Amino acid sequence: PHLYLILQTPLFGNILQSLQKDESTFTVNLALIALVML
């Protein structure tokens, strides 16, 4: 329930950080899957 609560935690911002900063394709792809699902 209540997945929108992720916006009240630092986790959402850190998914975006990973997508902007990480250089590993595998990591970025996992972060992107999480973002697309959320």
Full PDB file with SEQRES, HELIX, SHEET, SSBOND, CRYST1, ORIGX, SCALE, CONECT and MASTER records, all heavy atoms in Angstrom:
SEQRES   1 A   38  PRO HIS LEU TYR LEU ILE LEU GLN THR PRO LEU PHE GLY          
SEQRES   2 A   38  ASN ILE LEU GLN SER LEU GLN LYS ASP GLU SER THR PHE          
SEQRES   3 A   38  THR VAL ASN LEU ALA LEU ILE ALA LEU VAL MET LEU              
HELIX    1 AA1 LEU A    3  GLN A    8  5                                   6    
HELIX    2 AA2 LEU A   11  LYS A   21  1                                  11    
HELIX    3 AA3 THR A   25  MET A   37  1                                  13    
CRYST1    1.000    1.000    1.000  90.00  90.00  90.00 P 1           1          
ORIGX1      1.000000  0.000000  0.000000        0.00000                         
ORIGX2      0.000000  1.000000  0.000000        0.00000                         
ORIGX3      0.000000  0.000000  1.000000        0.00000                         
SCALE1      1.000000  0.000000  0.000000        0.00000                         
SCALE2      0.000000  1.000000  0.000000        0.00000                         
SCALE3      0.000000  0.000000  1.000000        0.00000                         
ATOM      1  N   PRO A   1       0.831  -1.200   0.000  1.00  0.00           N  
ATOM      2  CA  PRO A   1       0.000   0.000   0.000  1.00  0.00           C  
ATOM      3  C   PRO A   1       0.876   1.265   0.000  1.00  0.00           C  
ATOM      4  O   PRO A   1       2.059   1.199   0.346  1.00  0.00           O  
ATOM      5  CB  PRO A   1      -0.748  -0.108   1.337  1.00  0.00           C  
ATOM      6  CG  PRO A   1       0.190  -0.869   2.229  1.00  0.00           C  
ATOM      7  CD  PRO A   1       0.925  -1.827   1.329  1.00  0.00           C  
ATOM      8  N   HIS A   2       0.281   2.377  -0.408  1.00  0.00           N  
ATOM      9  CA  HIS A   2       0.867   3.720  -0.187  1.00  0.00           C  
ATOM     10  C   HIS A   2       2.274   3.926  -0.737  1.00  0.00           C  
ATOM     11  O   HIS A   2       3.139   4.458  -0.058  1.00  0.00           O  
ATOM     12  CB  HIS A   2       0.893   4.053   1.316  1.00  0.00           C  
ATOM     13  CG  HIS A   2      -0.377   3.750   2.022  1.00  0.00           C  
ATOM     14  ND1 HIS A   2      -1.614   4.125   1.520  1.00  0.00           N  
ATOM     15  CD2 HIS A   2      -0.623   3.078   3.179  1.00  0.00           C  
ATOM     16  CE1 HIS A   2      -2.569   3.712   2.354  1.00  0.00           C  
ATOM     17  NE2 HIS A   2      -1.995   3.071   3.360  1.00  0.00           N  
ATOM     18  N   LEU A   3       2.499   3.508  -1.991  1.00  0.00           N  
ATOM     19  CA  LEU A   3       3.844   3.681  -2.546  1.00  0.00           C  
ATOM     20  C   LEU A   3       4.224   5.158  -2.719  1.00  0.00           C  
ATOM     21  O   LEU A   3       5.403   5.478  -2.772  1.00  0.00           O  
ATOM     22  CB  LEU A   3       3.964   2.951  -3.890  1.00  0.00           C  
ATOM     23  CG  LEU A   3       4.415   1.510  -3.780  1.00  0.00           C  
ATOM     24  CD1 LEU A   3       4.240   0.785  -5.103  1.00  0.00           C  
ATOM     25  CD2 LEU A   3       5.879   1.420  -3.329  1.00  0.00           C  
ATOM     26  N   TYR A   4       3.225   6.045  -2.777  1.00  0.00           N  
ATOM     27  CA  TYR A   4       3.538   7.476  -2.933  1.00  0.00           C  
ATOM     28  C   TYR A   4       4.390   7.972  -1.757  1.00  0.00           C  
ATOM     29  O   TYR A   4       5.048   9.008  -1.844  1.00  0.00           O  
ATOM     30  CB  TYR A   4       2.250   8.306  -3.028  1.00  0.00           C  
ATOM     31  CG  TYR A   4       1.438   8.255  -1.754  1.00  0.00           C  
ATOM     32  CD1 TYR A   4       1.682   9.149  -0.714  1.00  0.00           C  
ATOM     33  CD2 TYR A   4       0.458   7.278  -1.571  1.00  0.00           C  
ATOM     34  CE1 TYR A   4       0.975   9.074   0.471  1.00  0.00           C  
ATOM     35  CE2 TYR A   4      -0.256   7.186  -0.389  1.00  0.00           C  
ATOM     36  CZ  TYR A   4       0.013   8.089   0.635  1.00  0.00           C  
ATOM     37  OH  TYR A   4      -0.676   8.009   1.816  1.00  0.00           O  
ATOM     38  N   LEU A   5       4.394   7.221  -0.643  1.00  0.00           N  
ATOM     39  CA  LEU A   5       5.185   7.640   0.520  1.00  0.00           C  
ATOM     40  C   LEU A   5       6.673   7.692   0.211  1.00  0.00           C  
ATOM     41  O   LEU A   5       7.442   8.298   0.951  1.00  0.00           O  
ATOM     42  CB  LEU A   5       4.947   6.687   1.707  1.00  0.00           C  
ATOM     43  CG  LEU A   5       3.561   6.784   2.353  1.00  0.00           C  
ATOM     44  CD1 LEU A   5       3.323   5.615   3.305  1.00  0.00           C  
ATOM     45  CD2 LEU A   5       3.403   8.115   3.094  1.00  0.00           C  
ATOM     46  N   ILE A   6       7.081   7.071  -0.897  1.00  0.00           N  
ATOM     47  CA  ILE A   6       8.510   7.117  -1.256  1.00  0.00           C  
ATOM     48  C   ILE A   6       8.950   8.571  -1.446  1.00  0.00           C  
ATOM     49  O   ILE A   6      10.111   8.911  -1.233  1.00  0.00           O  
ATOM     50  CB  ILE A   6       8.804   6.285  -2.529  1.00  0.00           C  
ATOM     51  CG1 ILE A   6      10.316   6.080  -2.692  1.00  0.00           C  
ATOM     52  CG2 ILE A   6       8.212   6.934  -3.772  1.00  0.00           C  
ATOM     53  CD1 ILE A   6      10.708   5.130  -3.809  1.00  0.00           C  
ATOM     54  N   LEU A   7       7.996   9.440  -1.817  1.00  0.00           N  
ATOM     55  CA  LEU A   7       8.341  10.855  -2.028  1.00  0.00           C  
ATOM     56  C   LEU A   7       8.633  11.552  -0.700  1.00  0.00           C  
ATOM     57  O   LEU A   7       9.202  12.639  -0.682  1.00  0.00           O  
ATOM     58  CB  LEU A   7       7.205  11.582  -2.756  1.00  0.00           C  
ATOM     59  CG  LEU A   7       6.942  11.074  -4.181  1.00  0.00           C  
ATOM     60  CD1 LEU A   7       5.692  11.718  -4.753  1.00  0.00           C  
ATOM     61  CD2 LEU A   7       8.139  11.333  -5.079  1.00  0.00           C  
ATOM     62  N   GLN A   8       8.212  10.935   0.410  1.00  0.00           N  
ATOM     63  CA  GLN A   8       8.504  11.528   1.727  1.00  0.00           C  
ATOM     64  C   GLN A   8       9.772  10.916   2.321  1.00  0.00           C  
ATOM     65  O   GLN A   8      10.071  11.118   3.489  1.00  0.00           O  
ATOM     66  CB  GLN A   8       7.326  11.293   2.674  1.00  0.00           C  
ATOM     67  CG  GLN A   8       6.053  11.972   2.211  1.00  0.00           C  
ATOM     68  CD  GLN A   8       4.846  11.545   3.044  1.00  0.00           C  
ATOM     69  OE1 GLN A   8       4.980  11.096   4.176  1.00  0.00           O  
ATOM     70  NE2 GLN A   8       3.665  11.678   2.465  1.00  0.00           N  
ATOM     71  N   THR A   9      10.490  10.140   1.519  1.00  0.00           N  
ATOM     72  CA  THR A   9      11.762   9.572   1.983  1.00  0.00           C  
ATOM     73  C   THR A   9      12.844  10.022   1.005  1.00  0.00           C  
ATOM     74  O   THR A   9      12.526  10.462  -0.096  1.00  0.00           O  
ATOM     75  CB  THR A   9      11.725   8.023   1.950  1.00  0.00           C  
ATOM     76  OG1 THR A   9      11.837   7.588   0.582  1.00  0.00           O  
ATOM     77  CG2 THR A   9      10.440   7.472   2.550  1.00  0.00           C  
ATOM     78  N   PRO A  10      14.107   9.901   1.400  1.00  0.00           N  
ATOM     79  CA  PRO A  10      15.182  10.289   0.452  1.00  0.00           C  
ATOM     80  C   PRO A  10      15.342   9.292  -0.702  1.00  0.00           C  
ATOM     81  O   PRO A  10      16.108   9.541  -1.622  1.00  0.00           O  
ATOM     82  CB  PRO A  10      16.450  10.292   1.312  1.00  0.00           C  
ATOM     83  CG  PRO A  10      16.050   9.924   2.694  1.00  0.00           C  
ATOM     84  CD  PRO A  10      14.629   9.468   2.700  1.00  0.00           C  
ATOM     85  N   LEU A  11      14.627   8.159  -0.642  1.00  0.00           N  
ATOM     86  CA  LEU A  11      14.872   7.090  -1.623  1.00  0.00           C  
ATOM     87  C   LEU A  11      14.572   7.530  -3.051  1.00  0.00           C  
ATOM     88  O   LEU A  11      15.332   7.230  -3.972  1.00  0.00           O  
ATOM     89  CB  LEU A  11      14.058   5.841  -1.255  1.00  0.00           C  
ATOM     90  CG  LEU A  11      14.227   4.613  -2.144  1.00  0.00           C  
ATOM     91  CD1 LEU A  11      15.683   4.195  -2.265  1.00  0.00           C  
ATOM     92  CD2 LEU A  11      13.399   3.433  -1.616  1.00  0.00           C  
ATOM     93  N   PHE A  12      13.472   8.259  -3.254  1.00  0.00           N  
ATOM     94  CA  PHE A  12      13.125   8.654  -4.625  1.00  0.00           C  
ATOM     95  C   PHE A  12      14.221   9.540  -5.219  1.00  0.00           C  
ATOM     96  O   PHE A  12      14.694   9.313  -6.337  1.00  0.00           O  
ATOM     97  CB  PHE A  12      11.769   9.371  -4.667  1.00  0.00           C  
ATOM     98  CG  PHE A  12      11.287   9.640  -6.067  1.00  0.00           C  
ATOM     99  CD1 PHE A  12      10.864   8.598  -6.878  1.00  0.00           C  
ATOM    100  CD2 PHE A  12      11.280  10.928  -6.594  1.00  0.00           C  
ATOM    101  CE1 PHE A  12      10.433   8.828  -8.185  1.00  0.00           C  
ATOM    102  CE2 PHE A  12      10.849  11.166  -7.895  1.00  0.00           C  
ATOM    103  CZ  PHE A  12      10.425  10.115  -8.687  1.00  0.00           C  
ATOM    104  N   GLY A  13      14.655  10.535  -4.447  1.00  0.00           N  
ATOM    105  CA  GLY A  13      15.736  11.410  -4.920  1.00  0.00           C  
ATOM    106  C   GLY A  13      17.003  10.637  -5.226  1.00  0.00           C  
ATOM    107  O   GLY A  13      17.742  10.965  -6.157  1.00  0.00           O  
ATOM    108  N   ASN A  14      17.245   9.577  -4.469  1.00  0.00           N  
ATOM    109  CA  ASN A  14      18.479   8.812  -4.686  1.00  0.00           C  
ATOM    110  C   ASN A  14      18.393   7.864  -5.882  1.00  0.00           C  
ATOM    111  O   ASN A  14      19.412   7.538  -6.487  1.00  0.00           O  
ATOM    112  CB  ASN A  14      18.885   8.075  -3.406  1.00  0.00           C  
ATOM    113  CG  ASN A  14      19.503   9.050  -2.410  1.00  0.00           C  
ATOM    114  OD1 ASN A  14      20.178   9.999  -2.806  1.00  0.00           O  
ATOM    115  ND2 ASN A  14      19.256   8.844  -1.126  1.00  0.00           N  
ATOM    116  N   ILE A  15      17.171   7.452  -6.245  1.00  0.00           N  
ATOM    117  CA  ILE A  15      17.021   6.724  -7.513  1.00  0.00           C  
ATOM    118  C   ILE A  15      17.415   7.671  -8.649  1.00  0.00           C  
ATOM    119  O   ILE A  15      18.137   7.306  -9.579  1.00  0.00           O  
ATOM    120  CB  ILE A  15      15.565   6.239  -7.700  1.00  0.00           C  
ATOM    121  CG1 ILE A  15      15.200   5.198  -6.639  1.00  0.00           C  
ATOM    122  CG2 ILE A  15      15.365   5.640  -9.100  1.00  0.00           C  
ATOM    123  CD1 ILE A  15      13.717   4.828  -6.622  1.00  0.00           C  
ATOM    124  N   LEU A  16      16.952   8.927  -8.546  1.00  0.00           N  
ATOM    125  CA  LEU A  16      17.281   9.921  -9.586  1.00  0.00           C  
ATOM    126  C   LEU A  16      18.782  10.226  -9.576  1.00  0.00           C  
ATOM    127  O   LEU A  16      19.391  10.405 -10.629  1.00  0.00           O  
ATOM    128  CB  LEU A  16      16.467  11.206  -9.379  1.00  0.00           C  
ATOM    129  CG  LEU A  16      14.942  11.053  -9.387  1.00  0.00           C  
ATOM    130  CD1 LEU A  16      14.259  12.413  -9.273  1.00  0.00           C  
ATOM    131  CD2 LEU A  16      14.450  10.326 -10.630  1.00  0.00           C  
ATOM    132  N   GLN A  17      19.379  10.284  -8.377  1.00  0.00           N  
ATOM    133  CA  GLN A  17      20.826  10.514  -8.302  1.00  0.00           C  
ATOM    134  C   GLN A  17      21.569   9.407  -9.056  1.00  0.00           C  
ATOM    135  O   GLN A  17      22.501   9.675  -9.814  1.00  0.00           O  
ATOM    136  CB  GLN A  17      21.293  10.488  -6.837  1.00  0.00           C  
ATOM    137  CG  GLN A  17      20.899  11.707  -6.048  1.00  0.00           C  
ATOM    138  CD  GLN A  17      21.848  12.872  -6.274  1.00  0.00           C  
ATOM    139  OE1 GLN A  17      22.351  13.072  -7.385  1.00  0.00           O  
ATOM    140  NE2 GLN A  17      22.096  13.643  -5.248  1.00  0.00           N  
ATOM    141  N   SER A  18      21.162   8.169  -8.806  1.00  0.00           N  
ATOM    142  CA  SER A  18      21.836   7.044  -9.467  1.00  0.00           C  
ATOM    143  C   SER A  18      21.734   7.195 -10.973  1.00  0.00           C  
ATOM    144  O   SER A  18      22.708   6.992 -11.708  1.00  0.00           O  
ATOM    145  CB  SER A  18      21.195   5.722  -9.026  1.00  0.00           C  
ATOM    146  OG  SER A  18      21.683   4.657  -9.817  1.00  0.00           O  
ATOM    147  N   LEU A  19      20.538   7.580 -11.449  1.00  0.00           N  
ATOM    148  CA  LEU A  19      20.330   7.692 -12.896  1.00  0.00           C  
ATOM    149  C   LEU A  19      21.104   8.866 -13.496  1.00  0.00           C  
ATOM    150  O   LEU A  19      21.358   8.899 -14.696  1.00  0.00           O  
ATOM    151  CB  LEU A  19      18.834   7.829 -13.188  1.00  0.00           C  
ATOM    152  CG  LEU A  19      18.066   6.505 -13.026  1.00  0.00           C  
ATOM    153  CD1 LEU A  19      16.577   6.752 -12.892  1.00  0.00           C  
ATOM    154  CD2 LEU A  19      18.361   5.572 -14.196  1.00  0.00           C  
ATOM    155  N   GLN A  20      21.489   9.824 -12.661  1.00  0.00           N  
ATOM    156  CA  GLN A  20      22.252  10.960 -13.173  1.00  0.00           C  
ATOM    157  C   GLN A  20      23.758  10.779 -13.007  1.00  0.00           C  
ATOM    158  O   GLN A  20      24.539  11.379 -13.741  1.00  0.00           O  
ATOM    159  CB  GLN A  20      21.844  12.243 -12.428  1.00  0.00           C  
ATOM    160  CG  GLN A  20      20.415  12.660 -12.723  1.00  0.00           C  
ATOM    161  CD  GLN A  20      19.995  13.814 -11.824  1.00  0.00           C  
ATOM    162  OE1 GLN A  20      20.154  14.963 -12.186  1.00  0.00           O  
ATOM    163  NE2 GLN A  20      19.495  13.503 -10.655  1.00  0.00           N  
ATOM    164  N   LYS A  21      24.164   9.963 -12.031  1.00  0.00           N  
ATOM    165  CA  LYS A  21      25.587   9.933 -11.692  1.00  0.00           C  
ATOM    166  C   LYS A  21      26.267   8.592 -11.944  1.00  0.00           C  
ATOM    167  O   LYS A  21      27.462   8.552 -12.205  1.00  0.00           O  
ATOM    168  CB  LYS A  21      25.770  10.249 -10.199  1.00  0.00           C  
ATOM    169  CG  LYS A  21      25.052  11.483  -9.708  1.00  0.00           C  
ATOM    170  CD  LYS A  21      25.963  12.694  -9.788  1.00  0.00           C  
ATOM    171  CE  LYS A  21      25.256  13.932  -9.280  1.00  0.00           C  
ATOM    172  NZ  LYS A  21      25.136  13.978  -7.823  1.00  0.00           N  
ATOM    173  N   ASP A  22      25.532   7.479 -11.748  1.00  0.00           N  
ATOM    174  CA  ASP A  22      26.220   6.189 -11.835  1.00  0.00           C  
ATOM    175  C   ASP A  22      26.670   5.897 -13.255  1.00  0.00           C  
ATOM    176  O   ASP A  22      26.040   6.318 -14.223  1.00  0.00           O  
ATOM    177  CB  ASP A  22      25.324   5.063 -11.298  1.00  0.00           C  
ATOM    178  CG  ASP A  22      25.319   5.029  -9.777  1.00  0.00           C  
ATOM    179  OD1 ASP A  22      26.361   5.398  -9.190  1.00  0.00           O  
ATOM    180  OD2 ASP A  22      24.297   4.670  -9.183  1.00  0.00           O  
ATOM    181  N   GLU A  23      27.777   5.164 -13.373  1.00  0.00           N  
ATOM    182  CA  GLU A  23      28.344   4.909 -14.700  1.00  0.00           C  
ATOM    183  C   GLU A  23      28.180   3.458 -15.134  1.00  0.00           C  
ATOM    184  O   GLU A  23      28.448   3.129 -16.281  1.00  0.00           O  
ATOM    185  CB  GLU A  23      29.820   5.324 -14.685  1.00  0.00           C  
ATOM    186  CG  GLU A  23      29.948   6.851 -14.595  1.00  0.00           C  
ATOM    187  CD  GLU A  23      31.335   7.320 -14.184  1.00  0.00           C  
ATOM    188  OE1 GLU A  23      32.294   6.524 -14.328  1.00  0.00           O  
ATOM    189  OE2 GLU A  23      31.451   8.470 -13.716  1.00  0.00           O  
ATOM    190  N   SER A  24      27.736   2.581 -14.216  1.00  0.00           N  
ATOM    191  CA  SER A  24      27.536   1.181 -14.574  1.00  0.00           C  
ATOM    192  C   SER A  24      26.196   1.002 -15.268  1.00  0.00           C  
ATOM    193  O   SER A  24      25.155   1.403 -14.752  1.00  0.00           O  
ATOM    194  CB  SER A  24      27.569   0.312 -13.317  1.00  0.00           C  
ATOM    195  OG  SER A  24      26.843  -0.885 -13.536  1.00  0.00           O  
ATOM    196  N   THR A  25      26.220   0.402 -16.449  1.00  0.00           N  
ATOM    197  CA  THR A  25      24.975   0.190 -17.198  1.00  0.00           C  
ATOM    198  C   THR A  25      24.000  -0.670 -16.398  1.00  0.00           C  
ATOM    199  O   THR A  25      22.796  -0.429 -16.388  1.00  0.00           O  
ATOM    200  CB  THR A  25      25.269  -0.527 -18.543  1.00  0.00           C  
ATOM    201  OG1 THR A  25      26.341   0.154 -19.194  1.00  0.00           O  
ATOM    202  CG2 THR A  25      24.060  -0.519 -19.448  1.00  0.00           C  
ATOM    203  N   PHE A  26      24.538  -1.680 -15.728  1.00  0.00           N  
ATOM    204  CA  PHE A  26      23.680  -2.604 -14.983  1.00  0.00           C  
ATOM    205  C   PHE A  26      22.936  -1.867 -13.863  1.00  0.00           C  
ATOM    206  O   PHE A  26      21.725  -2.003 -13.692  1.00  0.00           O  
ATOM    207  CB  PHE A  26      24.533  -3.745 -14.413  1.00  0.00           C  
ATOM    208  CG  PHE A  26      23.707  -4.855 -13.812  1.00  0.00           C  
ATOM    209  CD1 PHE A  26      22.734  -5.494 -14.553  1.00  0.00           C  
ATOM    210  CD2 PHE A  26      23.913  -5.253 -12.499  1.00  0.00           C  
ATOM    211  CE1 PHE A  26      21.969  -6.526 -14.002  1.00  0.00           C  
ATOM    212  CE2 PHE A  26      23.161  -6.282 -11.942  1.00  0.00           C  
ATOM    213  CZ  PHE A  26      22.186  -6.921 -12.695  1.00  0.00           C  
ATOM    214  N   THR A  27      23.680  -1.035 -13.125  1.00  0.00           N  
ATOM    215  CA  THR A  27      23.075  -0.276 -12.020  1.00  0.00           C  
ATOM    216  C   THR A  27      22.024   0.685 -12.547  1.00  0.00           C  
ATOM    217  O   THR A  27      20.909   0.777 -12.022  1.00  0.00           O  
ATOM    218  CB  THR A  27      24.174   0.515 -11.274  1.00  0.00           C  
ATOM    219  OG1 THR A  27      25.168  -0.408 -10.839  1.00  0.00           O  
ATOM    220  CG2 THR A  27      23.595   1.254 -10.074  1.00  0.00           C  
ATOM    221  N   VAL A  28      22.377   1.418 -13.600  1.00  0.00           N  
ATOM    222  CA  VAL A  28      21.461   2.406 -14.161  1.00  0.00           C  
ATOM    223  C   VAL A  28      20.197   1.721 -14.684  1.00  0.00           C  
ATOM    224  O   VAL A  28      19.077   2.216 -14.510  1.00  0.00           O  
ATOM    225  CB  VAL A  28      22.183   3.208 -15.272  1.00  0.00           C  
ATOM    226  CG1 VAL A  28      21.212   3.922 -16.177  1.00  0.00           C  
ATOM    227  CG2 VAL A  28      23.140   4.206 -14.616  1.00  0.00           C  
ATOM    228  N   ASN A  29      20.369   0.551 -15.284  1.00  0.00           N  
ATOM    229  CA  ASN A  29      19.204  -0.155 -15.793  1.00  0.00           C  
ATOM    230  C   ASN A  29      18.276  -0.597 -14.665  1.00  0.00           C  
ATOM    231  O   ASN A  29      17.050  -0.495 -14.764  1.00  0.00           O  
ATOM    232  CB  ASN A  29      19.657  -1.350 -16.637  1.00  0.00           C  
ATOM    233  CG  ASN A  29      18.584  -1.788 -17.616  1.00  0.00           C  
ATOM    234  OD1 ASN A  29      17.940  -0.951 -18.253  1.00  0.00           O  
ATOM    235  ND2 ASN A  29      18.359  -3.075 -17.708  1.00  0.00           N  
ATOM    236  N   LEU A  30      18.858  -1.080 -13.550  1.00  0.00           N  
ATOM    237  CA  LEU A  30      18.030  -1.468 -12.395  1.00  0.00           C  
ATOM    238  C   LEU A  30      17.303  -0.256 -11.812  1.00  0.00           C  
ATOM    239  O   LEU A  30      16.118  -0.327 -11.460  1.00  0.00           O  
ATOM    240  CB  LEU A  30      18.897  -2.102 -11.295  1.00  0.00           C  
ATOM    241  CG  LEU A  30      19.211  -3.585 -11.408  1.00  0.00           C  
ATOM    242  CD1 LEU A  30      20.175  -4.004 -10.297  1.00  0.00           C  
ATOM    243  CD2 LEU A  30      17.944  -4.434 -11.326  1.00  0.00           C  
ATOM    244  N   ALA A  31      18.020   0.869 -11.705  1.00  0.00           N  
ATOM    245  CA  ALA A  31      17.387   2.088 -11.177  1.00  0.00           C  
ATOM    246  C   ALA A  31      16.248   2.517 -12.099  1.00  0.00           C  
ATOM    247  O   ALA A  31      15.191   2.967 -11.641  1.00  0.00           O  
ATOM    248  CB  ALA A  31      18.426   3.209 -11.058  1.00  0.00           C  
ATOM    249  N   LEU A  32      16.462   2.359 -13.397  1.00  0.00           N  
ATOM    250  CA  LEU A  32      15.439   2.766 -14.367  1.00  0.00           C  
ATOM    251  C   LEU A  32      14.206   1.865 -14.270  1.00  0.00           C  
ATOM    252  O   LEU A  32      13.066   2.337 -14.352  1.00  0.00           O  
ATOM    253  CB  LEU A  32      16.017   2.726 -15.785  1.00  0.00           C  
ATOM    254  CG  LEU A  32      15.128   3.360 -16.862  1.00  0.00           C  
ATOM    255  CD1 LEU A  32      14.922   4.851 -16.587  1.00  0.00           C  
ATOM    256  CD2 LEU A  32      15.738   3.174 -18.250  1.00  0.00           C  
ATOM    257  N   ILE A  33      14.425   0.558 -14.083  1.00  0.00           N  
ATOM    258  CA  ILE A  33      13.281  -0.346 -13.919  1.00  0.00           C  
ATOM    259  C   ILE A  33      12.473   0.097 -12.696  1.00  0.00           C  
ATOM    260  O   ILE A  33      11.249   0.193 -12.745  1.00  0.00           O  
ATOM    261  CB  ILE A  33      13.754  -1.816 -13.734  1.00  0.00           C  
ATOM    262  CG1 ILE A  33      14.392  -2.328 -15.031  1.00  0.00           C  
ATOM    263  CG2 ILE A  33      12.581  -2.711 -13.343  1.00  0.00           C  
ATOM    264  CD1 ILE A  33      15.123  -3.664 -14.874  1.00  0.00           C  
ATOM    265  N   ALA A  34      13.168   0.383 -11.596  1.00  0.00           N  
ATOM    266  CA  ALA A  34      12.471   0.811 -10.378  1.00  0.00           C  
ATOM    267  C   ALA A  34      11.672   2.084 -10.653  1.00  0.00           C  
ATOM    268  O   ALA A  34      10.497   2.205 -10.272  1.00  0.00           O  
ATOM    269  CB  ALA A  34      13.478   1.040  -9.243  1.00  0.00           C  
ATOM    270  N   LEU A  35      12.291   3.045 -11.354  1.00  0.00           N  
ATOM    271  CA  LEU A  35      11.615   4.321 -11.624  1.00  0.00           C  
ATOM    272  C   LEU A  35      10.383   4.118 -12.512  1.00  0.00           C  
ATOM    273  O   LEU A  35       9.302   4.655 -12.235  1.00  0.00           O  
ATOM    274  CB  LEU A  35      12.604   5.280 -12.304  1.00  0.00           C  
ATOM    275  CG  LEU A  35      12.069   6.684 -12.612  1.00  0.00           C  
ATOM    276  CD1 LEU A  35      11.686   7.416 -11.321  1.00  0.00           C  
ATOM    277  CD2 LEU A  35      13.110   7.511 -13.380  1.00  0.00           C  
ATOM    278  N   VAL A  36      10.538   3.318 -13.569  1.00  0.00           N  
ATOM    279  CA  VAL A  36       9.413   3.061 -14.481  1.00  0.00           C  
ATOM    280  C   VAL A  36       8.259   2.394 -13.731  1.00  0.00           C  
ATOM    281  O   VAL A  36       7.081   2.699 -13.955  1.00  0.00           O  
ATOM    282  CB  VAL A  36       9.884   2.175 -15.670  1.00  0.00           C  
ATOM    283  CG1 VAL A  36       8.703   1.599 -16.428  1.00  0.00           C  
ATOM    284  CG2 VAL A  36      10.762   2.999 -16.616  1.00  0.00           C  
ATOM    285  N   MET A  37       8.584   1.494 -12.804  1.00  0.00           N  
ATOM    286  CA  MET A  37       7.538   0.823 -12.039  1.00  0.00           C  
ATOM    287  C   MET A  37       6.855   1.781 -11.064  1.00  0.00           C  
ATOM    288  O   MET A  37       5.669   1.658 -10.783  1.00  0.00           O  
ATOM    289  CB  MET A  37       8.128  -0.353 -11.256  1.00  0.00           C  
ATOM    290  CG  MET A  37       8.546  -1.520 -12.145  1.00  0.00           C  
ATOM    291  SD  MET A  37       9.544  -2.725 -11.224  1.00  0.00           S  
ATOM    292  CE  MET A  37       8.302  -3.816 -10.584  1.00  0.00           C  
ATOM    293  N   LEU A  38       7.612   2.748 -10.535  1.00  0.00           N  
ATOM    294  CA  LEU A  38       7.063   3.625  -9.494  1.00  0.00           C  
ATOM    295  C   LEU A  38       6.218   4.776 -10.023  1.00  0.00           C  
ATOM    296  O   LEU A  38       5.198   5.129  -9.424  1.00  0.00           O  
ATOM    297  CB  LEU A  38       8.222   4.214  -8.660  1.00  0.00           C  
ATOM    298  CG  LEU A  38       8.858   3.271  -7.641  1.00  0.00           C  
ATOM    299  CD1 LEU A  38      10.228   3.797  -7.209  1.00  0.00           C  
ATOM    300  CD2 LEU A  38       7.938   3.103  -6.419  1.00  0.00           C  
TER     301      LEU A  38                                                      
MASTER        0    0    0    3    0    0    0    6  300    1    0    3          
END                                                                             
